[in-house]
Protein backbone atom coordinates (compact mmCIF):
# COMPACT_ATOMS: atom_id res chain seq x y z
CA UNK A 1 -151.77 -189.80 29.36
CA UNK A 2 -149.07 -188.03 27.30
CA UNK A 3 -151.51 -187.80 24.37
CA UNK A 4 -154.17 -186.25 26.55
CA UNK A 5 -151.72 -183.74 27.99
CA UNK A 6 -150.73 -182.70 24.44
CA UNK A 7 -154.33 -182.14 23.48
CA UNK A 8 -154.95 -180.01 26.53
CA UNK A 9 -151.90 -177.87 25.86
CA UNK A 10 -152.56 -177.10 22.18
CA UNK A 11 -155.64 -174.91 22.60
CA UNK A 12 -153.79 -172.89 25.19
CA UNK A 13 -150.92 -172.38 22.80
CA UNK A 14 -153.29 -171.28 20.06
CA UNK A 15 -155.06 -168.89 22.42
CA UNK A 16 -151.81 -167.33 23.54
CA UNK A 17 -150.72 -166.90 19.94
CA UNK A 18 -154.02 -165.30 19.05
CA UNK A 19 -153.80 -163.00 22.02
CA UNK A 20 -150.31 -161.97 21.02
CA UNK A 21 -151.53 -161.22 17.50
CA UNK A 22 -154.35 -159.01 18.74
CA UNK A 23 -152.04 -157.17 21.06
CA UNK A 24 -149.53 -156.67 18.24
CA UNK A 25 -152.12 -155.16 15.90
CA UNK A 26 -153.58 -153.02 18.65
CA UNK A 27 -150.12 -151.77 19.59
CA UNK A 28 -149.35 -150.88 15.96
CA UNK A 29 -152.58 -148.95 15.62
CA UNK A 30 -151.93 -147.05 18.77
CA UNK A 31 -148.40 -146.19 17.61
CA UNK A 32 -149.68 -144.88 14.27
CA UNK A 33 -152.38 -142.78 15.92
CA UNK A 34 -149.83 -141.39 18.33
CA UNK A 35 -147.47 -140.47 15.47
CA UNK A 36 -150.37 -138.89 13.56
CA UNK A 37 -151.21 -136.69 16.48
CA UNK A 38 -147.63 -135.41 16.66
CA UNK A 39 -147.14 -135.12 12.89
CA UNK A 40 -150.36 -134.92 10.78
CA UNK A 41 -148.56 -136.06 7.65
CA UNK A 42 -145.68 -138.19 8.87
CA UNK A 43 -143.61 -139.89 6.16
CA UNK A 44 -142.80 -142.78 8.50
CA UNK A 45 -146.26 -143.75 9.77
CA UNK A 46 -149.78 -143.84 8.37
CA UNK A 47 -152.37 -141.43 9.77
CA UNK A 48 -155.93 -142.63 10.15
CA UNK A 49 -158.50 -140.36 8.50
CA UNK A 50 -156.08 -138.48 6.21
CA UNK A 51 -153.75 -135.54 6.60
CA UNK A 52 -152.97 -132.10 5.13
CA UNK A 53 -149.81 -130.97 3.33
CA UNK A 54 -148.51 -127.59 2.15
CA UNK A 55 -147.69 -127.22 -1.55
CA UNK A 56 -145.12 -124.55 -2.40
CA UNK A 57 -144.60 -123.22 -5.95
CA UNK A 58 -141.61 -120.89 -6.34
CA UNK A 59 -141.65 -119.04 -9.67
CA UNK A 60 -138.13 -117.78 -10.30
CA UNK A 61 -137.83 -114.56 -12.31
CA UNK A 62 -136.43 -114.67 -15.85
CA UNK A 63 -134.96 -111.77 -17.78
CA UNK A 64 -135.66 -109.08 -20.34
CA UNK A 65 -134.72 -109.76 -23.95
CA UNK A 66 -135.02 -108.30 -27.44
CA UNK A 67 -135.03 -109.95 -30.86
CA UNK A 68 -134.97 -108.13 -34.18
CA UNK A 69 -134.58 -109.15 -37.84
CA UNK A 70 -132.10 -107.62 -40.27
CA UNK A 71 -133.34 -104.52 -42.06
CA UNK A 72 -132.83 -103.65 -45.73
CA UNK A 73 -133.78 -100.99 -48.29
CA UNK A 74 -133.34 -101.35 -52.06
CA UNK A 75 -134.41 -98.13 -53.80
CA UNK A 76 -133.44 -97.33 -57.37
CA UNK A 77 -131.90 -93.88 -57.79
CA UNK A 78 -134.16 -91.67 -59.92
CA UNK A 79 -132.75 -88.15 -59.56
CA UNK A 80 -135.22 -87.23 -56.78
CA UNK A 81 -135.12 -87.40 -53.02
CA UNK A 82 -136.72 -90.61 -51.77
CA UNK A 83 -138.27 -91.81 -48.50
CA UNK A 84 -138.10 -95.60 -48.45
CA UNK A 85 -139.56 -97.91 -45.79
CA UNK A 86 -137.56 -100.98 -44.76
CA UNK A 87 -138.45 -104.61 -45.30
CA UNK A 88 -138.81 -105.68 -41.65
CA UNK A 89 -141.90 -104.32 -39.91
CA UNK A 90 -141.67 -105.83 -36.40
CA UNK A 91 -139.39 -106.96 -33.61
CA UNK A 92 -140.03 -108.92 -30.40
CA UNK A 93 -139.53 -108.03 -26.75
CA UNK A 94 -139.56 -110.58 -23.96
CA UNK A 95 -140.37 -109.72 -20.34
CA UNK A 96 -140.02 -112.90 -18.28
CA UNK A 97 -139.17 -111.10 -15.05
CA UNK A 98 -142.65 -111.40 -13.58
CA UNK A 99 -142.15 -107.99 -11.97
CA UNK A 100 -144.70 -105.88 -13.82
CA UNK A 101 -142.17 -103.03 -13.77
CA UNK A 102 -142.56 -102.30 -17.49
CA UNK A 103 -139.66 -101.80 -19.90
CA UNK A 104 -138.30 -99.61 -22.65
CA UNK A 105 -136.49 -100.27 -25.93
CA UNK A 106 -133.82 -97.90 -27.19
CA UNK A 107 -131.54 -98.03 -30.21
CA UNK A 108 -128.30 -96.50 -31.42
CA UNK A 109 -127.16 -96.51 -35.04
CA UNK A 110 -123.91 -95.93 -36.85
CA UNK A 111 -123.61 -93.90 -40.05
CA UNK A 112 -124.45 -95.65 -43.31
CA UNK A 113 -121.06 -96.31 -44.92
CA UNK A 114 -119.93 -98.00 -48.11
CA UNK A 115 -117.44 -100.91 -48.22
CA UNK A 116 -114.44 -98.92 -49.47
CA UNK A 117 -111.80 -98.75 -46.76
CA UNK A 118 -109.82 -95.66 -47.77
CA UNK A 119 -112.53 -93.15 -48.75
CA UNK A 120 -115.92 -94.84 -48.36
CA UNK A 121 -119.15 -93.33 -49.57
CA UNK A 122 -121.51 -92.29 -46.75
CA UNK A 123 -125.06 -91.12 -46.20
CA UNK A 124 -125.68 -88.20 -43.86
CA UNK A 125 -125.36 -89.00 -40.16
CA UNK A 126 -128.57 -87.08 -39.42
CA UNK A 127 -131.88 -87.08 -41.23
CA UNK A 128 -131.20 -90.42 -42.93
CA UNK A 129 -132.71 -93.02 -40.57
CA UNK A 130 -136.18 -92.51 -39.06
CA UNK A 131 -138.33 -94.85 -36.94
CA UNK A 132 -142.12 -94.51 -36.92
CA UNK A 133 -145.30 -96.54 -36.41
CA UNK A 134 -146.52 -96.00 -39.96
CA UNK A 135 -145.55 -97.52 -43.31
CA UNK A 136 -147.37 -94.82 -45.25
CA UNK A 137 -145.89 -91.67 -43.70
CA UNK A 138 -142.46 -91.01 -42.27
CA UNK A 139 -143.41 -87.73 -40.66
CA UNK A 140 -146.89 -88.35 -39.22
CA UNK A 141 -146.51 -89.52 -35.62
CA UNK A 142 -147.81 -93.03 -35.05
CA UNK A 143 -147.22 -95.74 -32.44
CA UNK A 144 -146.46 -99.32 -33.51
CA UNK A 145 -149.09 -101.83 -32.47
CA UNK A 146 -148.21 -104.76 -30.24
CA UNK A 147 -149.63 -108.25 -29.78
CA UNK A 148 -148.77 -111.46 -27.98
CA UNK A 149 -146.26 -113.63 -29.85
CA UNK A 150 -147.86 -116.61 -31.64
CA UNK A 151 -148.92 -119.50 -29.39
CA UNK A 152 -148.32 -117.47 -26.22
CA UNK A 153 -150.32 -115.43 -23.75
CA UNK A 154 -149.16 -112.04 -22.54
CA UNK A 155 -150.15 -108.69 -21.10
CA UNK A 156 -149.93 -106.35 -24.09
CA UNK A 157 -147.85 -103.22 -23.66
CA UNK A 158 -149.30 -99.79 -22.99
CA UNK A 159 -146.77 -97.52 -24.80
CA UNK A 160 -146.26 -93.80 -24.28
CA UNK A 161 -143.39 -92.92 -26.64
CA UNK A 162 -143.61 -89.97 -29.00
CA UNK A 163 -142.68 -90.82 -32.60
CA UNK A 164 -141.25 -90.38 -35.21
CA UNK A 165 -137.63 -90.69 -34.08
CA UNK A 166 -134.92 -89.13 -36.25
CA UNK A 167 -131.61 -90.83 -35.47
CA UNK A 168 -128.28 -89.15 -34.87
CA UNK A 169 -126.17 -91.92 -36.37
CA UNK A 170 -123.03 -91.64 -34.27
CA UNK A 171 -123.25 -95.08 -32.69
CA UNK A 172 -123.68 -93.50 -29.26
CA UNK A 173 -126.89 -91.45 -29.09
CA UNK A 174 -129.83 -93.62 -27.96
CA UNK A 175 -133.36 -93.07 -29.21
CA UNK A 176 -136.43 -94.60 -27.53
CA UNK A 177 -138.46 -96.72 -29.93
CA UNK A 178 -141.11 -98.27 -27.70
CA UNK A 179 -142.01 -98.82 -24.06
CA UNK A 180 -144.39 -100.74 -21.81
CA UNK A 181 -146.03 -99.00 -18.88
CA UNK A 182 -146.05 -100.45 -15.38
CA UNK A 183 -148.11 -103.63 -15.18
CA UNK A 184 -148.02 -104.19 -18.96
CA UNK A 185 -145.80 -105.86 -21.55
CA UNK A 186 -145.39 -109.12 -19.63
CA UNK A 187 -144.58 -112.14 -21.78
CA UNK A 188 -143.37 -112.27 -25.39
CA UNK A 189 -144.57 -109.17 -27.22
CA UNK A 190 -144.41 -108.62 -31.00
CA UNK A 191 -143.95 -104.89 -31.62
CA UNK A 192 -145.34 -103.93 -35.01
CA UNK A 193 -148.56 -105.12 -36.61
CA UNK A 194 -149.97 -105.03 -40.14
CA UNK A 195 -152.03 -101.93 -39.34
CA UNK A 196 -149.34 -100.23 -37.26
CA UNK A 197 -145.87 -101.57 -38.15
CA UNK A 198 -142.52 -100.87 -36.58
CA UNK A 199 -141.35 -98.98 -39.64
CA UNK A 200 -137.74 -98.01 -40.36
CA UNK A 201 -137.46 -95.25 -42.97
CA UNK A 202 -134.41 -94.41 -45.07
CA UNK A 203 -134.06 -90.96 -46.63
CA UNK A 204 -132.08 -91.13 -49.87
CA UNK A 205 -130.98 -87.82 -51.40
CA UNK A 206 -131.08 -87.28 -55.13
CA UNK A 207 -127.31 -86.77 -55.07
CA UNK A 208 -126.54 -90.13 -53.43
CA UNK A 209 -123.84 -92.30 -54.97
CA UNK A 210 -124.87 -95.80 -56.00
CA UNK A 211 -123.28 -98.22 -53.52
CA UNK A 212 -124.11 -100.75 -50.80
CA UNK A 213 -124.20 -98.97 -47.44
CA UNK A 214 -124.35 -100.57 -44.03
CA UNK A 215 -125.25 -99.30 -40.57
CA UNK A 216 -125.14 -101.17 -37.27
CA UNK A 217 -128.39 -100.62 -35.38
CA UNK A 218 -128.23 -101.86 -31.79
CA UNK A 219 -131.47 -102.33 -29.85
CA UNK A 220 -131.42 -102.45 -26.04
CA UNK A 221 -134.21 -103.30 -23.59
CA UNK A 222 -134.16 -102.05 -20.00
CA UNK A 223 -136.47 -102.29 -17.01
CA UNK A 224 -138.99 -99.53 -16.39
CA UNK A 225 -141.12 -97.51 -18.83
CA UNK A 226 -138.32 -94.99 -19.39
CA UNK A 227 -139.04 -91.42 -20.36
């Protein structure tokens, strides 16, 4: 009799267990669907049929920057006035602001002075240093070309600066060399190309004294096309 009672109980136990399992799965599914309705992309429950998320990309603005190589002139005195173009024919501006506001590059220069400390030789503070967009003429107005820096993309600058620029070499008077109009000049821009270089001219008088002269030329970039 005990054996028969055991046999009759076992199917009931299995059936109850199976019923509990079905109820458990059904309850879980209902809970997930309920969570999905309240939160289409919950991170704590799965949503049947998929869900939608919002992707946000925040591009933080960078800054303006300028990079320029050293400049040199090595004429040989010959008893005549000379106009000599410098060795470096380009410099690079960087606009990583993402503003499209444009920018302008200015420069100040000190007087060319020899190394002697007590009574150094000097070149004239005016009429000595000239910036132009031509390596063949110091006086004919020309605008330096501009291109994207190698291996980069950019929005090339649309300049509107009148050249040539004849520096007052007092270390304080700024001269505008180049600018980028609104909506242009975004990225890394090389100013000065083979056809239209950023040319620095040195005027050497016939009466100049042989010496090694130096001038500090400081380039500055600022937001806006300038004047």
